[in-house]
Amino acid sequence: MIFLTVGTLFPFDRLVKAVDHAVAEGLIKQKVFAQIGRTSFKPKYMQYVEVLDKGGFDEKVAGADYLISHAGIGNIVMALNHNKPLLVMPRMKHFKEHVNDHQVATARRFEQLGHILAAYSEEELPDKLQQLKTFVPRRRENQAKAVVDRIASFLQSLTNESVR
């Protein structure tokens, strides 16, 4: 089963329509279950709900072979924590899906690290759906020491500035 989730704060019809179309065209042969948020678009080719409670959401994640989502950091971390292959499509400002394009930057970075697949347009989605079938996300490594080192370096620079 593929679990599509677009969050509940903002509609993301572009992604929901693209996945619904992929199911209709036979590009996705697996069952798809979607959490679509509050929106006027209603999929025709996959099961969906507007909102799931936490228990229902966690159940869908656990039972999914693959996840498809917007490029929100919460969904990316959740997929990594569950070792689930994730395909994201970032919300974009010019489509009025978000206030800025931070999801594009997030998707690019996590894609570069090998943690996710990303489609930046509906036209890229079919190829990425094919890749999703064999995609194995790279495990995220704890970077605590690097964070501590950067903070220590920053604090040292402040100390050096105050001495001058």
C-alpha atoms as a PDB file:
ATOM      1  CA  MET A   1       0.000   0.000   0.000  1.00  0.00           C
ATOM      2  CA  ILE A   2       1.117   3.559  -0.741  1.00  0.00           C
ATOM      3  CA  PHE A   3       0.205   6.201   1.811  1.00  0.00           C
ATOM      4  CA  LEU A   4      -0.156   9.725   0.424  1.00  0.00           C
ATOM      5  CA  THR A   5      -0.270  12.483   2.994  1.00  0.00           C
ATOM      6  CA  VAL A   6      -0.305  16.199   2.332  1.00  0.00           C
ATOM      7  CA  GLY A   7      -0.843  17.473   5.837  1.00  0.00           C
ATOM      8  CA  THR A   8      -3.864  19.268   7.189  1.00  0.00           C
ATOM      9  CA  LEU A   9      -2.878  22.953   7.298  1.00  0.00           C
ATOM     10  CA  PHE A  10      -2.893  23.779   3.585  1.00  0.00           C
ATOM     11  CA  PRO A  11      -4.498  21.987   0.638  1.00  0.00           C
ATOM     12  CA  PHE A  12      -2.102  20.482  -1.892  1.00  0.00           C
ATOM     13  CA  ASP A  13      -4.373  19.670  -4.799  1.00  0.00           C
ATOM     14  CA  ARG A  14      -1.521  19.599  -7.323  1.00  0.00           C
ATOM     15  CA  LEU A  15       0.029  16.526  -5.670  1.00  0.00           C
ATOM     16  CA  VAL A  16      -3.278  14.807  -4.892  1.00  0.00           C
ATOM     17  CA  LYS A  17      -4.474  15.285  -8.491  1.00  0.00           C
ATOM     18  CA  ALA A  18      -1.149  14.031  -9.889  1.00  0.00           C
ATOM     19  CA  VAL A  19      -1.275  10.851  -7.788  1.00  0.00           C
ATOM     20  CA  ASP A  20      -4.961  10.289  -8.582  1.00  0.00           C
ATOM     21  CA  HIS A  21      -4.124  10.671 -12.290  1.00  0.00           C
ATOM     22  CA  ALA A  22      -1.206   8.218 -11.955  1.00  0.00           C
ATOM     23  CA  VAL A  23      -3.575   5.639 -10.448  1.00  0.00           C
ATOM     24  CA  ALA A  24      -6.108   6.235 -13.254  1.00  0.00           C
ATOM     25  CA  GLU A  25      -3.382   5.824 -15.908  1.00  0.00           C
ATOM     26  CA  GLY A  26      -2.120   2.589 -14.346  1.00  0.00           C
ATOM     27  CA  LEU A  27       1.245   4.080 -13.372  1.00  0.00           C
ATOM     28  CA  ILE A  28       0.451   3.090  -9.798  1.00  0.00           C
ATOM     29  CA  LYS A  29      -0.918  -0.425  -9.515  1.00  0.00           C
ATOM     30  CA  GLN A  30      -0.827  -0.664  -5.733  1.00  0.00           C
ATOM     31  CA  LYS A  31      -3.639   0.420  -3.480  1.00  0.00           C
ATOM     32  CA  VAL A  32      -3.259   4.077  -2.467  1.00  0.00           C
ATOM     33  CA  PHE A  33      -4.714   5.561   0.678  1.00  0.00           C
ATOM     34  CA  ALA A  34      -4.569   9.353   1.006  1.00  0.00           C
ATOM     35  CA  GLN A  35      -4.941  11.946   3.711  1.00  0.00           C
ATOM     36  CA  ILE A  36      -5.859  14.962   1.570  1.00  0.00           C
ATOM     37  CA  GLY A  37      -6.668  17.681   4.117  1.00  0.00           C
ATOM     38  CA  ARG A  38      -9.594  20.028   3.733  1.00  0.00           C
ATOM     39  CA  THR A  39      -9.914  20.728   0.025  1.00  0.00           C
ATOM     40  CA  SER A  40     -12.523  20.920  -2.698  1.00  0.00           C
ATOM     41  CA  PHE A  41     -10.766  18.318  -4.905  1.00  0.00           C
ATOM     42  CA  LYS A  42     -11.942  14.767  -4.253  1.00  0.00           C
ATOM     43  CA  PRO A  43      -9.917  11.897  -5.766  1.00  0.00           C
ATOM     44  CA  LYS A  44     -11.743   9.402  -7.985  1.00  0.00           C
ATOM     45  CA  TYR A  45      -9.232   6.545  -8.141  1.00  0.00           C
ATOM     46  CA  MET A  46      -7.976   6.098  -4.583  1.00  0.00           C
ATOM     47  CA  GLN A  47      -9.367   5.863  -1.079  1.00  0.00           C
ATOM     48  CA  TYR A  48      -8.987   9.008   0.989  1.00  0.00           C
ATOM     49  CA  VAL A  49      -9.949  10.877   4.119  1.00  0.00           C
ATOM     50  CA  GLU A  50      -9.526  14.541   4.861  1.00  0.00           C
ATOM     51  CA  VAL A  51      -7.895  14.054   8.258  1.00  0.00           C
ATOM     52  CA  LEU A  52      -6.629  11.084  10.272  1.00  0.00           C
ATOM     53  CA  ASP A  53      -6.126  11.090  14.021  1.00  0.00           C
ATOM     54  CA  LYS A  54      -2.625  10.264  15.253  1.00  0.00           C
ATOM     55  CA  GLY A  55      -3.403   6.578  15.799  1.00  0.00           C
ATOM     56  CA  GLY A  56      -4.874   6.199  12.311  1.00  0.00           C
ATOM     57  CA  PHE A  57      -1.978   8.121  10.774  1.00  0.00           C
ATOM     58  CA  ASP A  58       0.629   5.983  12.550  1.00  0.00           C
ATOM     59  CA  GLU A  59      -1.212   2.834  11.447  1.00  0.00           C
ATOM     60  CA  LYS A  60      -1.136   3.932   7.785  1.00  0.00           C
ATOM     61  CA  VAL A  61       2.574   4.760   7.992  1.00  0.00           C
ATOM     62  CA  ALA A  62       3.379   1.396   9.586  1.00  0.00           C
ATOM     63  CA  GLY A  63       1.361  -0.503   6.963  1.00  0.00           C
ATOM     64  CA  ALA A  64       2.683   1.383   3.947  1.00  0.00           C
ATOM     65  CA  ASP A  65       5.283   0.021   1.553  1.00  0.00           C
ATOM     66  CA  TYR A  66       5.963   3.557   0.285  1.00  0.00           C
ATOM     67  CA  LEU A  67       5.062   7.085   1.297  1.00  0.00           C
ATOM     68  CA  ILE A  68       4.277  10.087  -0.900  1.00  0.00           C
ATOM     69  CA  SER A  69       4.092  13.519   0.679  1.00  0.00           C
ATOM     70  CA  HIS A  70       4.713  17.232   0.501  1.00  0.00           C
ATOM     71  CA  ALA A  71       8.300  18.098   1.459  1.00  0.00           C
ATOM     72  CA  GLY A  72       7.591  19.031   5.057  1.00  0.00           C
ATOM     73  CA  ILE A  73      10.403  18.261   7.473  1.00  0.00           C
ATOM     74  CA  GLY A  74       8.033  16.416   9.820  1.00  0.00           C
ATOM     75  CA  ASN A  75       7.047  13.908   7.149  1.00  0.00           C
ATOM     76  CA  ILE A  76      10.644  13.467   6.006  1.00  0.00           C
ATOM     77  CA  VAL A  77      11.839  12.741   9.549  1.00  0.00           C
ATOM     78  CA  MET A  78       8.897  10.413  10.138  1.00  0.00           C
ATOM     79  CA  ALA A  79       9.728   8.418   6.989  1.00  0.00           C
ATOM     80  CA  LEU A  80      13.395   8.204   7.979  1.00  0.00           C
ATOM     81  CA  ASN A  81      12.511   7.087  11.504  1.00  0.00           C
ATOM     82  CA  HIS A  82      10.328   4.307  10.046  1.00  0.00           C
ATOM     83  CA  ASN A  83      12.822   3.496   7.261  1.00  0.00           C
ATOM     84  CA  LYS A  84      10.092   4.016   4.651  1.00  0.00           C
ATOM     85  CA  PRO A  85      10.886   5.002   1.065  1.00  0.00           C
ATOM     86  CA  LEU A  86       9.512   8.513   0.553  1.00  0.00           C
ATOM     87  CA  LEU A  87       8.723  10.466  -2.593  1.00  0.00           C
ATOM     88  CA  VAL A  88       8.072  14.153  -1.991  1.00  0.00           C
ATOM     89  CA  MET A  89       6.758  16.983  -4.110  1.00  0.00           C
ATOM     90  CA  PRO A  90       7.517  20.371  -2.561  1.00  0.00           C
ATOM     91  CA  ARG A  91       4.795  22.949  -2.170  1.00  0.00           C
ATOM     92  CA  MET A  92       5.729  26.049  -4.170  1.00  0.00           C
ATOM     93  CA  LYS A  93       5.109  29.730  -3.665  1.00  0.00           C
ATOM     94  CA  HIS A  94       4.280  30.490  -7.317  1.00  0.00           C
ATOM     95  CA  PHE A  95       1.366  28.022  -7.117  1.00  0.00           C
ATOM     96  CA  LYS A  96       0.266  29.751  -3.872  1.00  0.00           C
ATOM     97  CA  GLU A  97       0.759  26.461  -2.007  1.00  0.00           C
ATOM     98  CA  HIS A  98       2.997  28.078   0.610  1.00  0.00           C
ATOM     99  CA  VAL A  99       4.383  31.449   1.608  1.00  0.00           C
ATOM    100  CA  ASN A 100       7.892  30.700   0.276  1.00  0.00           C
ATOM    101  CA  ASP A 101       9.881  27.903  -1.367  1.00  0.00           C
ATOM    102  CA  HIS A 102      11.551  26.447   1.725  1.00  0.00           C
ATOM    103  CA  GLN A 103      10.180  22.993   0.847  1.00  0.00           C
ATOM    104  CA  VAL A 104      12.161  23.049  -2.417  1.00  0.00           C
ATOM    105  CA  ALA A 105      15.387  23.619  -0.477  1.00  0.00           C
ATOM    106  CA  THR A 106      14.443  20.928   2.044  1.00  0.00           C
ATOM    107  CA  ALA A 107      13.652  18.410  -0.714  1.00  0.00           C
ATOM    108  CA  ARG A 108      16.900  19.148  -2.573  1.00  0.00           C
ATOM    109  CA  ARG A 109      19.047  18.706   0.523  1.00  0.00           C
ATOM    110  CA  PHE A 110      17.450  15.446   1.681  1.00  0.00           C
ATOM    111  CA  GLU A 111      17.494  14.140  -1.887  1.00  0.00           C
ATOM    112  CA  GLN A 112      21.238  14.946  -2.170  1.00  0.00           C
ATOM    113  CA  LEU A 113      21.814  12.994   1.032  1.00  0.00           C
ATOM    114  CA  GLY A 114      20.023   9.967  -0.453  1.00  0.00           C
ATOM    115  CA  HIS A 115      17.215  10.004   2.107  1.00  0.00           C
ATOM    116  CA  ILE A 116      14.275  10.701  -0.237  1.00  0.00           C
ATOM    117  CA  LEU A 117      13.195  10.964  -3.852  1.00  0.00           C
ATOM    118  CA  ALA A 118      11.760  14.273  -5.057  1.00  0.00           C
ATOM    119  CA  ALA A 119       9.556  15.289  -7.969  1.00  0.00           C
ATOM    120  CA  TYR A 120       9.539  19.033  -8.529  1.00  0.00           C
ATOM    121  CA  SER A 121       6.700  18.954 -11.043  1.00  0.00           C
ATOM    122  CA  GLU A 122       3.806  16.732 -12.058  1.00  0.00           C
ATOM    123  CA  GLU A 123       5.748  15.803 -15.209  1.00  0.00           C
ATOM    124  CA  GLU A 124       8.551  14.289 -13.110  1.00  0.00           C
ATOM    125  CA  LEU A 125       6.160  12.199 -11.029  1.00  0.00           C
ATOM    126  CA  PRO A 126       5.837   9.118 -13.332  1.00  0.00           C
ATOM    127  CA  ASP A 127       9.613   8.567 -13.472  1.00  0.00           C
ATOM    128  CA  LYS A 128       9.974   9.085  -9.728  1.00  0.00           C
ATOM    129  CA  LEU A 129       7.129   6.630  -9.074  1.00  0.00           C
ATOM    130  CA  GLN A 130       9.104   4.001 -11.009  1.00  0.00           C
ATOM    131  CA  GLN A 131      12.230   4.781  -8.982  1.00  0.00           C
ATOM    132  CA  LEU A 132      10.249   4.560  -5.735  1.00  0.00           C
ATOM    133  CA  LYS A 133       9.644   0.832  -6.310  1.00  0.00           C
ATOM    134  CA  THR A 134      13.337   0.049  -5.780  1.00  0.00           C
ATOM    135  CA  PHE A 135      14.459   3.058  -3.736  1.00  0.00           C
ATOM    136  CA  VAL A 136      16.173   2.290  -0.439  1.00  0.00           C
ATOM    137  CA  PRO A 137      16.564   5.412   1.697  1.00  0.00           C
ATOM    138  CA  ARG A 138      20.007   6.041   3.087  1.00  0.00           C
ATOM    139  CA  ARG A 139      19.944   5.795   6.884  1.00  0.00           C
ATOM    140  CA  ARG A 140      20.293   9.085   8.678  1.00  0.00           C
ATOM    141  CA  GLU A 141      23.340   9.275  10.930  1.00  0.00           C
ATOM    142  CA  ASN A 142      23.424  11.118  14.216  1.00  0.00           C
ATOM    143  CA  GLN A 143      25.261  14.417  13.763  1.00  0.00           C
ATOM    144  CA  ALA A 144      25.282  15.451  17.439  1.00  0.00           C
ATOM    145  CA  LYS A 145      29.077  15.881  17.646  1.00  0.00           C
ATOM    146  CA  ALA A 146      29.123  18.088  14.545  1.00  0.00           C
ATOM    147  CA  VAL A 147      26.378  20.272  16.025  1.00  0.00           C
ATOM    148  CA  VAL A 148      28.223  20.544  19.349  1.00  0.00           C
ATOM    149  CA  ASP A 149      31.454  21.444  17.512  1.00  0.00           C
ATOM    150  CA  ARG A 150      29.712  24.194  15.515  1.00  0.00           C
ATOM    151  CA  ILE A 151      28.111  25.672  18.622  1.00  0.00           C
ATOM    152  CA  ALA A 152      31.445  25.565  20.479  1.00  0.00           C
ATOM    153  CA  SER A 153      33.166  27.282  17.561  1.00  0.00           C
ATOM    154  CA  PHE A 154      30.473  29.970  17.475  1.00  0.00           C
ATOM    155  CA  LEU A 155      30.715  30.550  21.227  1.00  0.00           C
ATOM    156  CA  GLN A 156      34.502  30.738  20.968  1.00  0.00           C
ATOM    157  CA  SER A 157      34.173  33.365  18.233  1.00  0.00           C
ATOM    158  CA  LEU A 158      31.940  35.429  20.538  1.00  0.00           C
ATOM    159  CA  THR A 159      34.514  35.143  23.315  1.00  0.00           C
ATOM    160  CA  ASN A 160      37.279  36.234  20.934  1.00  0.00           C
ATOM    161  CA  GLU A 161      35.187  39.240  19.835  1.00  0.00           C
ATOM    162  CA  SER A 162      34.550  40.388  23.422  1.00  0.00           C
ATOM    163  CA  VAL A 163      38.270  40.213  24.244  1.00  0.00           C
ATOM    164  CA  ARG A 164      39.201  42.706  21.503  1.00  0.00           C
END
